[in-house]
Amino acid sequence: MRLQRRYQNRHRSGFSLLELLTVLIIIGVLAATVVLTYTSGTETRTLQTHAERFMLTVELARQKSTLSNEIWGVKLRPTSYEFLRLLEDNNWYVINENPFQHRTVGADYWLRGRSIGQTLDQQSDASEGDLPDFVIYPSGEMSPFEVTLVHRVTQIERFVISDGIQRVVVSSQPYQPLTEGDES
């Protein structure tokens, strides 16, 4: 009888294989959730960083253009951008000084730009040649634009927007023009 009780107590003190598998499955699901959340958050932060860096560099170029009394421009490519300067010979030249030198956003991201107030059909062929996609004037004004930065895999987007007069801003929403009801 004692032997039988000792055997029963020992049998009750452990976990069954089903209980162990259940716990392992729950831990696996939780770990996968944490990894996916962390990865998505990292991509969003990196995209936001690229957008903010672009915004700040454009604002700095605006100030530099005003101080030097020169016309500047920004040339967009699918994964990079560069700043240009219009010289007296009416040709655009790439600026190679820091922080305006050629910048890439990485292979996981791409960017595209458009002038505000124009449809894609009305866009100039600036992307094809050596002309800038938008221009910064010495008066501090610039061509109104919207640059979209997109993560290739997750399709998360950030928009860098300028109305041409106010500061350049980063937004998670594309440019929305005011309608008659919004003016109040």
N, C-alpha and C. Protein backbone atom coordinates (compact mmCIF):
# COMPACT_ATOMS: atom_id res chain seq x y z
N MET A 1 0.80 -1.18 0.00
CA MET A 1 0.00 0.00 0.00
C MET A 1 0.86 1.26 0.00
N ARG A 2 1.90 1.30 0.85
CA ARG A 2 2.79 2.45 0.86
C ARG A 2 3.47 2.64 -0.50
N LEU A 3 3.85 1.57 -1.11
CA LEU A 3 4.50 1.64 -2.41
C LEU A 3 3.56 2.22 -3.45
N GLN A 4 2.32 1.88 -3.36
CA GLN A 4 1.34 2.38 -4.31
C GLN A 4 1.14 3.89 -4.12
N ARG A 5 1.09 4.39 -2.87
CA ARG A 5 0.93 5.83 -2.62
C ARG A 5 2.15 6.61 -3.10
N ARG A 6 3.31 6.08 -2.84
CA ARG A 6 4.53 6.77 -3.27
C ARG A 6 4.55 6.89 -4.79
N TYR A 7 4.14 5.86 -5.50
CA TYR A 7 4.09 5.89 -6.94
C TYR A 7 3.08 6.92 -7.42
N GLN A 8 1.92 7.04 -6.79
CA GLN A 8 0.89 8.01 -7.17
C GLN A 8 1.36 9.43 -6.92
N ASN A 9 2.04 9.67 -5.80
CA ASN A 9 2.54 11.01 -5.51
C ASN A 9 3.60 11.44 -6.52
N ARG A 10 4.48 10.52 -6.88
CA ARG A 10 5.50 10.85 -7.85
C ARG A 10 4.87 11.12 -9.21
N HIS A 11 3.87 10.42 -9.59
CA HIS A 11 3.20 10.59 -10.86
C HIS A 11 2.48 11.94 -10.92
N ARG A 12 1.94 12.43 -9.82
CA ARG A 12 1.21 13.69 -9.79
C ARG A 12 2.13 14.90 -9.76
N SER A 13 3.35 14.77 -9.35
CA SER A 13 4.22 15.92 -9.15
C SER A 13 4.78 16.49 -10.46
N GLY A 14 4.69 15.85 -11.61
CA GLY A 14 5.24 16.35 -12.86
C GLY A 14 4.17 16.93 -13.79
N PHE A 15 4.61 17.40 -14.96
CA PHE A 15 3.70 17.93 -15.97
C PHE A 15 3.53 16.90 -17.06
N SER A 16 2.37 16.89 -17.66
CA SER A 16 2.13 15.96 -18.77
C SER A 16 2.73 16.56 -20.05
N LEU A 17 2.92 15.73 -21.02
CA LEU A 17 3.46 16.18 -22.30
C LEU A 17 2.52 17.19 -22.95
N LEU A 18 1.24 17.01 -22.83
CA LEU A 18 0.26 17.94 -23.38
C LEU A 18 0.38 19.32 -22.73
N GLU A 19 0.57 19.37 -21.42
CA GLU A 19 0.73 20.65 -20.73
C GLU A 19 2.01 21.36 -21.18
N LEU A 20 3.09 20.60 -21.32
CA LEU A 20 4.34 21.20 -21.77
C LEU A 20 4.23 21.75 -23.19
N LEU A 21 3.60 21.02 -24.08
CA LEU A 21 3.41 21.49 -25.46
C LEU A 21 2.53 22.74 -25.51
N THR A 22 1.50 22.78 -24.68
CA THR A 22 0.62 23.96 -24.63
C THR A 22 1.40 25.19 -24.20
N VAL A 23 2.22 25.06 -23.18
CA VAL A 23 3.02 26.19 -22.69
C VAL A 23 4.02 26.63 -23.77
N LEU A 24 4.66 25.68 -24.46
CA LEU A 24 5.61 26.02 -25.51
C LEU A 24 4.93 26.75 -26.67
N ILE A 25 3.74 26.33 -27.04
CA ILE A 25 3.00 27.00 -28.11
C ILE A 25 2.65 28.43 -27.71
N ILE A 26 2.19 28.63 -26.49
CA ILE A 26 1.85 29.98 -26.01
C ILE A 26 3.10 30.87 -26.01
N ILE A 27 4.22 30.36 -25.54
CA ILE A 27 5.46 31.13 -25.53
C ILE A 27 5.89 31.47 -26.96
N GLY A 28 5.75 30.54 -27.88
CA GLY A 28 6.10 30.78 -29.28
C GLY A 28 5.25 31.87 -29.91
N VAL A 29 3.95 31.85 -29.65
CA VAL A 29 3.05 32.86 -30.20
C VAL A 29 3.40 34.24 -29.63
N LEU A 30 3.65 34.32 -28.33
CA LEU A 30 4.03 35.59 -27.71
C LEU A 30 5.36 36.11 -28.26
N ALA A 31 6.32 35.23 -28.44
CA ALA A 31 7.62 35.63 -28.98
C ALA A 31 7.48 36.15 -30.41
N ALA A 32 6.68 35.48 -31.22
CA ALA A 32 6.47 35.93 -32.60
C ALA A 32 5.79 37.30 -32.63
N THR A 33 4.85 37.52 -31.74
CA THR A 33 4.17 38.82 -31.67
C THR A 33 5.14 39.92 -31.32
N VAL A 34 6.00 39.67 -30.35
CA VAL A 34 6.99 40.67 -29.94
C VAL A 34 7.96 40.96 -31.09
N VAL A 35 8.44 39.94 -31.77
CA VAL A 35 9.39 40.14 -32.87
C VAL A 35 8.74 40.92 -34.00
N LEU A 36 7.53 40.58 -34.39
CA LEU A 36 6.85 41.30 -35.47
C LEU A 36 6.56 42.74 -35.09
N THR A 37 6.17 42.99 -33.86
CA THR A 37 5.91 44.35 -33.41
C THR A 37 7.20 45.16 -33.41
N TYR A 38 8.27 44.59 -32.92
CA TYR A 38 9.55 45.30 -32.87
C TYR A 38 10.05 45.60 -34.29
N THR A 39 9.96 44.64 -35.21
CA THR A 39 10.42 44.85 -36.57
C THR A 39 9.62 45.94 -37.25
N SER A 40 8.30 45.91 -37.13
CA SER A 40 7.46 46.93 -37.74
C SER A 40 7.76 48.30 -37.15
N GLY A 41 7.98 48.38 -35.86
CA GLY A 41 8.29 49.65 -35.21
C GLY A 41 9.63 50.20 -35.68
N THR A 42 10.61 49.33 -35.89
CA THR A 42 11.92 49.75 -36.36
C THR A 42 11.82 50.34 -37.76
N GLU A 43 11.07 49.69 -38.64
CA GLU A 43 10.91 50.19 -40.00
C GLU A 43 10.21 51.55 -40.00
N THR A 44 9.21 51.72 -39.16
CA THR A 44 8.50 52.99 -39.08
C THR A 44 9.42 54.09 -38.56
N ARG A 45 10.20 53.79 -37.54
CA ARG A 45 11.14 54.79 -37.00
C ARG A 45 12.19 55.17 -38.03
N THR A 46 12.72 54.20 -38.76
CA THR A 46 13.72 54.48 -39.78
C THR A 46 13.14 55.32 -40.89
N LEU A 47 11.93 55.00 -41.32
CA LEU A 47 11.25 55.79 -42.35
C LEU A 47 11.03 57.22 -41.87
N GLN A 48 10.58 57.38 -40.63
CA GLN A 48 10.38 58.70 -40.06
C GLN A 48 11.70 59.47 -40.00
N THR A 49 12.78 58.80 -39.66
CA THR A 49 14.10 59.43 -39.61
C THR A 49 14.54 59.93 -40.98
N HIS A 50 14.34 59.10 -42.02
CA HIS A 50 14.68 59.52 -43.39
C HIS A 50 13.86 60.75 -43.79
N ALA A 51 12.57 60.75 -43.47
CA ALA A 51 11.70 61.87 -43.82
C ALA A 51 12.12 63.14 -43.09
N GLU A 52 12.42 63.03 -41.82
CA GLU A 52 12.83 64.20 -41.05
C GLU A 52 14.19 64.72 -41.51
N ARG A 53 15.11 63.83 -41.86
CA ARG A 53 16.41 64.27 -42.37
C ARG A 53 16.24 65.03 -43.67
N PHE A 54 15.39 64.52 -44.56
CA PHE A 54 15.12 65.20 -45.82
C PHE A 54 14.50 66.57 -45.56
N MET A 55 13.51 66.64 -44.67
CA MET A 55 12.84 67.90 -44.35
C MET A 55 13.84 68.92 -43.81
N LEU A 56 14.68 68.52 -42.87
CA LEU A 56 15.64 69.45 -42.27
C LEU A 56 16.69 69.91 -43.28
N THR A 57 17.11 69.02 -44.16
CA THR A 57 18.09 69.40 -45.17
C THR A 57 17.50 70.38 -46.17
N VAL A 58 16.23 70.19 -46.54
CA VAL A 58 15.56 71.14 -47.43
C VAL A 58 15.44 72.51 -46.75
N GLU A 59 15.09 72.53 -45.48
CA GLU A 59 15.00 73.80 -44.75
C GLU A 59 16.36 74.49 -44.66
N LEU A 60 17.41 73.70 -44.46
CA LEU A 60 18.76 74.27 -44.42
C LEU A 60 19.15 74.81 -45.80
N ALA A 61 18.79 74.08 -46.86
CA ALA A 61 19.06 74.54 -48.23
C ALA A 61 18.30 75.84 -48.51
N ARG A 62 17.10 75.96 -47.99
CA ARG A 62 16.32 77.18 -48.16
C ARG A 62 17.07 78.37 -47.53
N GLN A 63 17.57 78.17 -46.34
CA GLN A 63 18.32 79.24 -45.66
C GLN A 63 19.62 79.57 -46.40
N LYS A 64 20.32 78.53 -46.85
CA LYS A 64 21.58 78.74 -47.57
C LYS A 64 21.33 79.46 -48.89
N SER A 65 20.26 79.12 -49.57
CA SER A 65 19.90 79.78 -50.83
C SER A 65 19.63 81.27 -50.60
N THR A 66 18.95 81.58 -49.52
CA THR A 66 18.65 82.97 -49.20
C THR A 66 19.93 83.74 -48.85
N LEU A 67 20.78 83.13 -48.04
CA LEU A 67 22.01 83.81 -47.62
C LEU A 67 22.99 84.02 -48.78
N SER A 68 23.05 83.07 -49.68
CA SER A 68 24.00 83.16 -50.80
C SER A 68 23.37 83.82 -52.03
N ASN A 69 22.07 84.13 -51.97
CA ASN A 69 21.34 84.74 -53.08
C ASN A 69 21.47 83.91 -54.36
N GLU A 70 21.27 82.59 -54.21
CA GLU A 70 21.36 81.66 -55.33
C GLU A 70 20.08 80.84 -55.43
N ILE A 71 19.82 80.37 -56.62
CA ILE A 71 18.69 79.46 -56.84
C ILE A 71 19.20 78.05 -56.67
N TRP A 72 18.54 77.30 -55.81
CA TRP A 72 18.89 75.91 -55.56
C TRP A 72 17.74 75.02 -56.04
N GLY A 73 18.03 73.74 -56.17
CA GLY A 73 17.01 72.78 -56.54
C GLY A 73 17.26 71.43 -55.88
N VAL A 74 16.26 70.59 -55.91
CA VAL A 74 16.39 69.23 -55.37
C VAL A 74 16.01 68.25 -56.47
N LYS A 75 16.89 67.31 -56.71
CA LYS A 75 16.68 66.27 -57.71
C LYS A 75 16.39 64.96 -57.00
N LEU A 76 15.24 64.37 -57.29
CA LEU A 76 14.84 63.10 -56.67
C LEU A 76 15.12 61.94 -57.61
N ARG A 77 15.57 60.86 -57.03
CA ARG A 77 15.75 59.60 -57.75
C ARG A 77 14.99 58.55 -56.95
N PRO A 78 14.79 57.35 -57.48
CA PRO A 78 13.98 56.36 -56.74
C PRO A 78 14.48 56.03 -55.34
N THR A 79 15.80 56.01 -55.12
CA THR A 79 16.32 55.68 -53.79
C THR A 79 17.29 56.73 -53.26
N SER A 80 17.32 57.91 -53.87
CA SER A 80 18.26 58.94 -53.42
C SER A 80 17.77 60.33 -53.82
N TYR A 81 18.47 61.32 -53.31
CA TYR A 81 18.20 62.71 -53.70
C TYR A 81 19.50 63.50 -53.61
N GLU A 82 19.54 64.60 -54.34
CA GLU A 82 20.70 65.46 -54.31
C GLU A 82 20.27 66.90 -54.52
N PHE A 83 21.11 67.81 -54.07
CA PHE A 83 20.83 69.23 -54.18
C PHE A 83 21.65 69.82 -55.32
N LEU A 84 21.04 70.75 -56.04
CA LEU A 84 21.66 71.38 -57.19
C LEU A 84 21.70 72.89 -56.98
N ARG A 85 22.59 73.55 -57.69
CA ARG A 85 22.73 75.00 -57.63
C ARG A 85 22.74 75.52 -59.07
N LEU A 86 21.96 76.55 -59.34
CA LEU A 86 21.94 77.18 -60.66
C LEU A 86 23.00 78.28 -60.67
N LEU A 87 23.99 78.13 -61.56
CA LEU A 87 25.06 79.12 -61.62
C LEU A 87 24.81 80.11 -62.76
N GLU A 88 25.71 81.06 -62.90
CA GLU A 88 25.52 82.15 -63.86
C GLU A 88 25.43 81.68 -65.30
N ASP A 89 25.98 80.51 -65.61
CA ASP A 89 25.90 80.00 -66.99
C ASP A 89 24.58 79.29 -67.27
N ASN A 90 23.62 79.42 -66.34
CA ASN A 90 22.27 78.83 -66.46
C ASN A 90 22.29 77.30 -66.53
N ASN A 91 23.28 76.69 -65.91
CA ASN A 91 23.35 75.24 -65.81
C ASN A 91 23.24 74.85 -64.34
N TRP A 92 22.63 73.70 -64.10
CA TRP A 92 22.49 73.17 -62.75
C TRP A 92 23.69 72.31 -62.43
N TYR A 93 24.28 72.52 -61.24
CA TYR A 93 25.44 71.75 -60.79
C TYR A 93 25.14 71.10 -59.46
N VAL A 94 25.58 69.86 -59.31
CA VAL A 94 25.37 69.11 -58.08
C VAL A 94 26.22 69.72 -56.97
N ILE A 95 25.64 69.88 -55.80
CA ILE A 95 26.35 70.40 -54.63
C ILE A 95 26.97 69.22 -53.89
N ASN A 96 28.27 69.26 -53.70
CA ASN A 96 28.97 68.16 -53.05
C ASN A 96 29.42 68.47 -51.64
N GLU A 97 29.03 69.61 -51.10
CA GLU A 97 29.44 69.96 -49.74
C GLU A 97 28.45 69.40 -48.73
N ASN A 98 28.97 69.11 -47.57
CA ASN A 98 28.16 68.55 -46.49
C ASN A 98 27.23 69.63 -45.95
N PRO A 99 26.00 69.43 -45.68
CA PRO A 99 25.19 68.21 -45.69
C PRO A 99 24.36 68.03 -46.96
N PHE A 100 24.73 68.72 -48.04
CA PHE A 100 23.91 68.72 -49.26
C PHE A 100 24.36 67.71 -50.30
N GLN A 101 25.35 66.90 -49.98
CA GLN A 101 25.83 65.93 -50.97
C GLN A 101 24.76 64.86 -51.23
N HIS A 102 25.03 64.07 -52.23
CA HIS A 102 24.12 62.99 -52.64
C HIS A 102 23.78 62.10 -51.44
N ARG A 103 22.49 61.87 -51.21
CA ARG A 103 22.05 61.03 -50.09
C ARG A 103 21.17 59.90 -50.62
N THR A 104 21.40 58.71 -50.08
CA THR A 104 20.54 57.57 -50.41
C THR A 104 19.66 57.25 -49.21
N VAL A 105 18.48 56.73 -49.49
CA VAL A 105 17.57 56.33 -48.41
C VAL A 105 17.62 54.84 -48.17
N GLY A 106 18.45 54.12 -48.91
CA GLY A 106 18.61 52.69 -48.70
C GLY A 106 17.78 51.87 -49.67
N ALA A 107 18.15 50.63 -49.81
CA ALA A 107 17.49 49.74 -50.77
C ALA A 107 16.08 49.35 -50.32
N ASP A 108 15.80 49.42 -49.02
CA ASP A 108 14.48 49.04 -48.52
C ASP A 108 13.45 50.14 -48.67
N TYR A 109 13.88 51.32 -49.10
CA TYR A 109 12.98 52.47 -49.20
C TYR A 109 13.07 53.07 -50.59
N TRP A 110 12.00 53.70 -51.01
CA TRP A 110 12.04 54.45 -52.26
C TRP A 110 11.25 55.73 -52.08
N LEU A 111 11.55 56.69 -52.93
CA LEU A 111 10.84 57.96 -52.83
C LEU A 111 10.39 58.43 -54.19
N ARG A 112 9.35 59.23 -54.16
CA ARG A 112 8.81 59.84 -55.37
C ARG A 112 8.29 61.22 -54.99
N GLY A 113 8.30 62.11 -55.92
CA GLY A 113 7.86 63.46 -55.64
C GLY A 113 6.88 63.95 -56.68
N ARG A 114 6.13 64.96 -56.29
CA ARG A 114 5.22 65.60 -57.23
C ARG A 114 5.08 67.06 -56.81
N SER A 115 4.83 67.89 -57.79
CA SER A 115 4.54 69.29 -57.51
C SER A 115 3.09 69.40 -57.09
N ILE A 116 2.82 70.13 -56.04
CA ILE A 116 1.44 70.31 -55.59
C ILE A 116 0.72 71.21 -56.58
N GLY A 117 -0.49 70.81 -56.91
CA GLY A 117 -1.27 71.58 -57.87
C GLY A 117 -1.20 71.01 -59.26
N GLN A 118 -0.42 69.96 -59.47
CA GLN A 118 -0.33 69.31 -60.77
C GLN A 118 -0.66 67.84 -60.62
N THR A 119 -1.30 67.31 -61.64
CA THR A 119 -1.54 65.86 -61.66
C THR A 119 -0.29 65.19 -62.21
N LEU A 120 -0.25 63.88 -62.16
CA LEU A 120 0.90 63.16 -62.69
C LEU A 120 1.08 63.40 -64.18
N ASP A 121 -0.04 63.61 -64.91
CA ASP A 121 0.04 63.87 -66.35
C ASP A 121 0.67 65.22 -66.63
N GLN A 122 0.52 66.18 -65.72
CA GLN A 122 1.03 67.53 -65.93
C GLN A 122 2.47 67.68 -65.45
N GLN A 123 3.02 66.69 -64.79
CA GLN A 123 4.38 66.80 -64.26
C GLN A 123 5.36 67.01 -65.39
N SER A 124 6.38 67.83 -65.11
CA SER A 124 7.42 68.05 -66.11
C SER A 124 8.31 66.83 -66.20
N ASP A 125 9.15 66.82 -67.17
CA ASP A 125 10.08 65.71 -67.36
C ASP A 125 11.38 65.94 -66.60
N ALA A 126 11.33 66.63 -65.47
CA ALA A 126 12.53 66.92 -64.69
C ALA A 126 13.22 65.65 -64.23
N SER A 127 12.43 64.62 -63.94
CA SER A 127 13.02 63.37 -63.45
C SER A 127 13.89 62.71 -64.51
N GLU A 128 13.62 63.00 -65.77
CA GLU A 128 14.37 62.38 -66.86
C GLU A 128 15.75 63.00 -67.04
N GLY A 129 15.88 64.32 -66.91
CA GLY A 129 17.13 65.00 -67.23
C GLY A 129 17.87 65.48 -66.00
N ASP A 130 18.58 66.60 -66.20
CA ASP A 130 19.40 67.16 -65.13
C ASP A 130 18.69 68.30 -64.41
N LEU A 131 17.44 68.53 -64.69
CA LEU A 131 16.69 69.60 -64.03
C LEU A 131 16.20 69.13 -62.66
N PRO A 132 16.11 70.06 -61.71
CA PRO A 132 15.60 69.67 -60.38
C PRO A 132 14.10 69.40 -60.42
N ASP A 133 13.65 68.60 -59.48
CA ASP A 133 12.22 68.32 -59.36
C ASP A 133 11.47 69.47 -58.71
N PHE A 134 12.14 70.18 -57.81
CA PHE A 134 11.57 71.43 -57.30
C PHE A 134 12.69 72.41 -57.00
N VAL A 135 12.33 73.69 -56.99
CA VAL A 135 13.30 74.77 -56.94
C VAL A 135 13.14 75.58 -55.66
N ILE A 136 14.27 76.03 -55.11
CA ILE A 136 14.30 76.89 -53.93
C ILE A 136 14.86 78.24 -54.38
N TYR A 137 14.09 79.30 -54.18
CA TYR A 137 14.46 80.64 -54.63
C TYR A 137 15.14 81.43 -53.51
N PRO A 138 15.97 82.42 -53.88
CA PRO A 138 16.67 83.21 -52.86
C PRO A 138 15.72 84.01 -51.96
N SER A 139 14.50 84.22 -52.38
CA SER A 139 13.53 84.94 -51.56
C SER A 139 13.01 84.08 -50.41
N GLY A 140 13.35 82.78 -50.41
CA GLY A 140 12.87 81.87 -49.38
C GLY A 140 11.68 81.05 -49.84
N GLU A 141 11.11 81.41 -50.98
CA GLU A 141 10.00 80.62 -51.52
C GLU A 141 10.57 79.40 -52.23
N MET A 142 9.71 78.42 -52.44
CA MET A 142 10.11 77.23 -53.18
C MET A 142 8.91 76.68 -53.93
N SER A 143 9.17 75.79 -54.85
CA SER A 143 8.09 75.13 -55.56
C SER A 143 7.29 74.30 -54.57
N PRO A 144 5.96 74.41 -54.56
CA PRO A 144 5.17 73.55 -53.67
C PRO A 144 5.36 72.08 -54.09
N PHE A 145 5.59 71.21 -53.13
CA PHE A 145 5.87 69.82 -53.47
C PHE A 145 5.38 68.88 -52.39
N GLU A 146 5.31 67.61 -52.77
CA GLU A 146 5.05 66.51 -51.84
C GLU A 146 5.99 65.38 -52.23
N VAL A 147 6.84 64.97 -51.29
CA VAL A 147 7.74 63.84 -51.51
C VAL A 147 7.24 62.70 -50.63
N THR A 148 7.06 61.54 -51.24
CA THR A 148 6.57 60.36 -50.52
C THR A 148 7.72 59.38 -50.34
N LEU A 149 7.98 59.00 -49.09
CA LEU A 149 8.96 57.96 -48.78
C LEU A 149 8.19 56.72 -48.40
N VAL A 150 8.53 55.59 -49.01
CA VAL A 150 7.77 54.35 -48.82
C VAL A 150 8.73 53.21 -48.48
N HIS A 151 8.35 52.41 -47.49
CA HIS A 151 9.10 51.17 -47.22
C HIS A 151 8.62 50.13 -48.22
N ARG A 152 9.53 49.52 -48.93
CA ARG A 152 9.17 48.61 -50.03
C ARG A 152 8.36 47.40 -49.58
N VAL A 153 8.65 46.86 -48.40
CA VAL A 153 7.99 45.64 -47.97
C VAL A 153 6.66 45.93 -47.29
N THR A 154 6.68 46.79 -46.27
CA THR A 154 5.47 47.05 -45.49
C THR A 154 4.55 48.08 -46.11
N GLN A 155 5.06 48.84 -47.10
CA GLN A 155 4.30 49.91 -47.77
C GLN A 155 3.89 51.04 -46.81
N ILE A 156 4.62 51.18 -45.70
CA ILE A 156 4.39 52.31 -44.79
C ILE A 156 4.88 53.57 -45.51
N GLU A 157 4.13 54.66 -45.41
CA GLU A 157 4.47 55.89 -46.11
C GLU A 157 4.65 57.06 -45.14
N ARG A 158 5.53 57.97 -45.50
CA ARG A 158 5.67 59.27 -44.85
C ARG A 158 5.73 60.30 -45.95
N PHE A 159 5.11 61.44 -45.71
CA PHE A 159 5.02 62.50 -46.70
C PHE A 159 5.76 63.74 -46.20
N VAL A 160 6.62 64.29 -47.04
CA VAL A 160 7.29 65.55 -46.75
C VAL A 160 6.64 66.57 -47.66
N ILE A 161 6.03 67.60 -47.05
CA ILE A 161 5.15 68.51 -47.79
C ILE A 161 5.58 69.95 -47.58
N SER A 162 5.53 70.73 -48.66
CA SER A 162 5.74 72.17 -48.58
C SER A 162 4.72 72.86 -49.47
N ASP A 163 4.13 73.93 -48.94
CA ASP A 163 3.22 74.73 -49.76
C ASP A 163 3.98 75.80 -50.53
N GLY A 164 5.30 75.86 -50.35
CA GLY A 164 6.13 76.80 -51.06
C GLY A 164 6.52 78.02 -50.25
N ILE A 165 5.78 78.30 -49.17
CA ILE A 165 6.05 79.48 -48.37
C ILE A 165 6.36 79.11 -46.93
N GLN A 166 5.52 78.28 -46.32
CA GLN A 166 5.73 77.91 -44.92
C GLN A 166 6.79 76.83 -44.81
N ARG A 167 7.11 76.48 -43.57
CA ARG A 167 8.11 75.44 -43.31
C ARG A 167 7.69 74.11 -43.92
N VAL A 168 8.67 73.33 -44.29
CA VAL A 168 8.45 71.97 -44.79
C VAL A 168 8.05 71.11 -43.59
N VAL A 169 7.08 70.22 -43.78
CA VAL A 169 6.60 69.38 -42.69
C VAL A 169 6.62 67.91 -43.11
N VAL A 170 6.69 67.04 -42.10
CA VAL A 170 6.57 65.59 -42.30
C VAL A 170 5.20 65.18 -41.79
N SER A 171 4.51 64.35 -42.57
CA SER A 171 3.17 63.92 -42.20
C SER A 171 2.98 62.45 -42.54
N SER A 172 2.07 61.82 -41.84
CA SER A 172 1.70 60.45 -42.19
C SER A 172 0.55 60.43 -43.19
N GLN A 173 0.01 61.62 -43.51
CA GLN A 173 -1.08 61.75 -44.47
C GLN A 173 -0.63 62.57 -45.67
N PRO A 174 -1.11 62.25 -46.88
CA PRO A 174 -0.73 63.05 -48.05
C PRO A 174 -1.34 64.46 -47.99
N TYR A 175 -0.85 65.32 -48.83
CA TYR A 175 -1.33 66.70 -48.90
C TYR A 175 -2.81 66.73 -49.25
N GLN A 176 -3.56 67.51 -48.51
CA GLN A 176 -4.99 67.69 -48.76
C GLN A 176 -5.25 69.18 -48.96
N PRO A 177 -5.64 69.62 -50.15
CA PRO A 177 -5.92 71.04 -50.34
C PRO A 177 -7.15 71.47 -49.55
N LEU A 178 -7.18 72.74 -49.20
CA LEU A 178 -8.36 73.27 -48.50
C LEU A 178 -9.54 73.32 -49.45
N THR A 179 -10.68 73.01 -48.91
CA THR A 179 -11.92 73.15 -49.69
C THR A 179 -12.65 74.39 -49.16
N GLU A 180 -13.71 74.77 -49.82
CA GLU A 180 -14.44 75.97 -49.43
C GLU A 180 -14.94 75.91 -47.99
N GLY A 181 -15.30 74.75 -47.52
CA GLY A 181 -15.82 74.60 -46.16
C GLY A 181 -14.73 74.65 -45.10
N ASP A 182 -13.45 74.44 -45.49
CA ASP A 182 -12.34 74.42 -44.55
C ASP A 182 -11.80 75.79 -44.20
N GLU A 183 -12.21 76.83 -44.91
CA GLU A 183 -11.60 78.15 -44.76
C GLU A 183 -12.04 78.88 -43.52
N SER A 184 -13.03 78.41 -42.81
CA SER A 184 -13.54 79.16 -41.66
C SER A 184 -12.64 79.13 -40.48
